[in-house]
Amino acid sequence: MQTTSGSSSWFFDGYDMDTPTEIPLAGDILEVARWVWYNLVPKSGQCNTVQGELLRALEKLSWEARTNGNINWDSGFEILVDFLESRLCNEPGLAEVMKESIREDLDKLRDYENPYTEEDLHGRLTEAVVAYCRLHPGLIPKTANPLLNR
């Protein structure tokens, strides 16, 4: 995801903080996403919360497509796409129309031979992650996937 000024991704400017227990929901989509990134995503490695890992997975996929043209695509990226699909599309609180959009967007990301780099897909998926966070402001613990090296 890019800032409105078109500068590079703000996600990789994260910093460590004491882990809170709940996501503050005041603010727009970008503000909530920023809070999740800065507070729940470590500088390296997997997140210990579902909400943080959703955003980290999305940013990893976005970064690979935009920066590398998916040249490094491997099973780790498949794990990230599967995690996003599993969590978001199995969430009963999300509207079916949003779930259909999520599936379509993730199918485009899975087509690694044709990297999707347009902002619209990444923006929609960020909205879905934030919608999930709004449904689950209390942090959901997540153990690291030993098969994931991304």
Protein backbone atom coordinates (compact mmCIF):
# COMPACT_ATOMS: atom_id res chain seq x y z
CA MET A 1 0.00 0.00 0.00
CA GLN A 2 1.28 3.44 -0.79
CA THR A 3 0.67 6.72 0.92
CA THR A 4 -1.54 9.18 -0.87
CA SER A 5 1.51 11.14 -1.94
CA GLY A 6 2.68 8.18 -4.03
CA SER A 7 5.81 7.61 -1.95
CA SER A 8 7.11 4.15 -1.18
CA SER A 9 5.30 1.77 1.13
CA TRP A 10 4.88 3.04 4.67
CA PHE A 11 4.64 -0.51 6.03
CA PHE A 12 8.41 -0.99 6.09
CA ASP A 13 8.87 1.95 8.44
CA GLY A 14 7.50 -0.07 11.40
CA TYR A 15 8.96 0.05 14.88
CA ASP A 16 8.66 -2.03 18.01
CA MET A 17 6.37 -1.04 20.85
CA ASP A 18 4.92 -2.78 23.88
CA THR A 19 2.20 -5.06 22.60
CA PRO A 20 -1.26 -3.67 23.40
CA THR A 21 -4.33 -5.84 23.98
CA GLU A 22 -6.80 -4.18 21.64
CA ILE A 23 -6.80 -2.33 18.34
CA PRO A 24 -8.13 1.23 18.55
CA LEU A 25 -10.83 1.53 15.91
CA ALA A 26 -11.13 5.29 15.66
CA GLY A 27 -9.94 6.62 12.36
CA ASP A 28 -10.19 5.70 8.73
CA ILE A 29 -8.90 2.55 7.02
CA LEU A 30 -5.39 3.92 6.56
CA GLU A 31 -5.11 5.01 10.20
CA VAL A 32 -6.22 1.62 11.52
CA ALA A 33 -3.91 -0.21 9.09
CA ARG A 34 -1.01 2.00 10.16
CA TRP A 35 -1.71 1.34 13.82
CA VAL A 36 -1.78 -2.42 13.21
CA TRP A 37 1.47 -2.25 11.25
CA TYR A 38 3.35 -0.12 13.76
CA ASN A 39 2.11 -1.99 16.82
CA LEU A 40 1.63 -5.61 15.76
CA VAL A 41 4.13 -6.30 12.97
CA PRO A 42 7.73 -6.98 14.04
CA LYS A 43 10.68 -5.67 12.04
CA SER A 44 11.32 -9.24 10.90
CA GLY A 45 9.59 -12.57 11.23
CA GLN A 46 6.00 -13.58 11.69
CA CYS A 47 3.49 -11.78 13.89
CA ASN A 48 2.18 -13.23 17.11
CA THR A 49 -1.34 -11.95 16.36
CA VAL A 50 -3.73 -12.86 13.56
CA GLN A 51 -4.50 -9.21 12.85
CA GLY A 52 -0.83 -8.29 12.45
CA GLU A 53 -0.10 -11.35 10.33
CA LEU A 54 -2.96 -10.53 7.96
CA LEU A 55 -1.46 -7.14 7.24
CA ARG A 56 2.10 -8.51 7.11
CA ALA A 57 1.04 -11.21 4.64
CA LEU A 58 -0.65 -8.66 2.40
CA GLU A 59 2.37 -6.36 2.45
CA LYS A 60 4.78 -9.24 1.69
CA LEU A 61 2.67 -10.21 -1.34
CA SER A 62 2.37 -6.60 -2.48
CA TRP A 63 6.09 -5.95 -2.06
CA GLU A 64 7.06 -9.07 -4.00
CA ALA A 65 4.78 -8.22 -6.92
CA ARG A 66 5.64 -4.53 -7.13
CA THR A 67 9.32 -4.62 -6.35
CA ASN A 68 10.43 -7.99 -7.68
CA GLY A 69 7.81 -8.96 -10.26
CA ASN A 70 7.23 -12.17 -8.25
CA ILE A 71 10.63 -13.53 -9.26
CA ASN A 72 11.09 -14.96 -5.74
CA TRP A 73 7.67 -16.64 -5.66
CA ASP A 74 7.73 -19.90 -3.74
CA SER A 75 5.60 -21.95 -1.35
CA GLY A 76 6.00 -19.25 1.31
CA PHE A 77 3.97 -16.82 -0.77
CA GLU A 78 1.33 -19.53 -1.30
CA ILE A 79 1.13 -19.91 2.49
CA LEU A 80 0.55 -16.15 2.82
CA VAL A 81 -2.24 -16.15 0.21
CA ASP A 82 -3.85 -19.20 1.83
CA PHE A 83 -3.70 -17.54 5.26
CA LEU A 84 -5.42 -14.42 3.96
CA GLU A 85 -8.10 -16.46 2.23
CA SER A 86 -8.70 -18.76 5.17
CA ARG A 87 -9.06 -15.98 7.74
CA LEU A 88 -10.94 -13.44 5.66
CA CYS A 89 -13.24 -15.71 3.64
CA ASN A 90 -14.21 -17.81 6.66
CA GLU A 91 -15.10 -14.76 8.75
CA PRO A 92 -18.89 -14.81 9.25
CA GLY A 93 -18.97 -11.07 9.99
CA LEU A 94 -17.74 -10.06 6.53
CA ALA A 95 -20.31 -9.56 3.78
CA GLU A 96 -20.46 -12.19 1.03
CA VAL A 97 -19.81 -9.55 -1.61
CA MET A 98 -16.56 -8.63 0.18
CA LYS A 99 -15.59 -12.31 0.39
CA GLU A 100 -16.18 -12.72 -3.35
CA SER A 101 -13.94 -9.70 -4.01
CA ILE A 102 -11.28 -11.11 -1.68
CA ARG A 103 -11.29 -14.45 -3.52
CA GLU A 104 -11.02 -12.74 -6.91
CA ASP A 105 -8.17 -10.53 -5.72
CA LEU A 106 -6.30 -13.42 -4.13
CA ASP A 107 -6.68 -15.45 -7.34
CA LYS A 108 -4.94 -12.58 -9.17
CA LEU A 109 -2.12 -12.67 -6.61
CA ARG A 110 -1.80 -16.45 -7.00
CA ASP A 111 -1.12 -15.94 -10.70
CA TYR A 112 2.50 -15.20 -9.91
CA GLU A 113 3.57 -15.32 -13.56
CA ASN A 114 1.52 -12.15 -14.10
CA PRO A 115 2.35 -9.92 -11.11
CA TYR A 116 -0.53 -7.65 -10.18
CA THR A 117 0.88 -4.28 -9.18
CA GLU A 118 -2.09 -1.92 -9.37
CA GLU A 119 -3.14 -0.12 -6.21
CA ASP A 120 -6.83 -1.10 -6.45
CA LEU A 121 -6.35 -4.76 -5.48
CA HIS A 122 -4.05 -3.97 -2.59
CA GLY A 123 -6.39 -1.23 -1.40
CA ARG A 124 -9.40 -3.58 -1.42
CA LEU A 125 -7.50 -6.23 0.49
CA THR A 126 -6.31 -3.68 3.03
CA GLU A 127 -9.94 -2.64 3.51
CA ALA A 128 -10.84 -6.30 4.11
CA VAL A 129 -8.05 -6.71 6.67
CA VAL A 130 -9.18 -3.56 8.49
CA ALA A 131 -12.81 -4.79 8.37
CA TYR A 132 -11.60 -8.02 10.02
CA CYS A 133 -9.75 -5.97 12.66
CA ARG A 134 -12.88 -3.93 13.34
CA LEU A 135 -14.77 -7.20 13.95
CA HIS A 136 -11.95 -8.45 16.18
CA PRO A 137 -10.34 -5.52 18.01
CA GLY A 138 -9.14 -7.85 20.78
CA LEU A 139 -5.85 -9.36 19.71
CA ILE A 140 -6.05 -12.97 18.54
CA PRO A 141 -2.86 -14.93 19.34
CA LYS A 142 -1.11 -16.69 16.47
CA THR A 143 1.72 -19.18 16.64
CA ALA A 144 4.41 -19.06 13.99
CA ASN A 145 4.07 -21.37 11.01
CA PRO A 146 7.31 -23.40 10.87
CA LEU A 147 6.89 -23.88 7.11
CA LEU A 148 6.83 -20.13 6.46
CA ASN A 149 10.17 -18.45 5.85
CA ARG A 150 8.81 -15.21 4.43
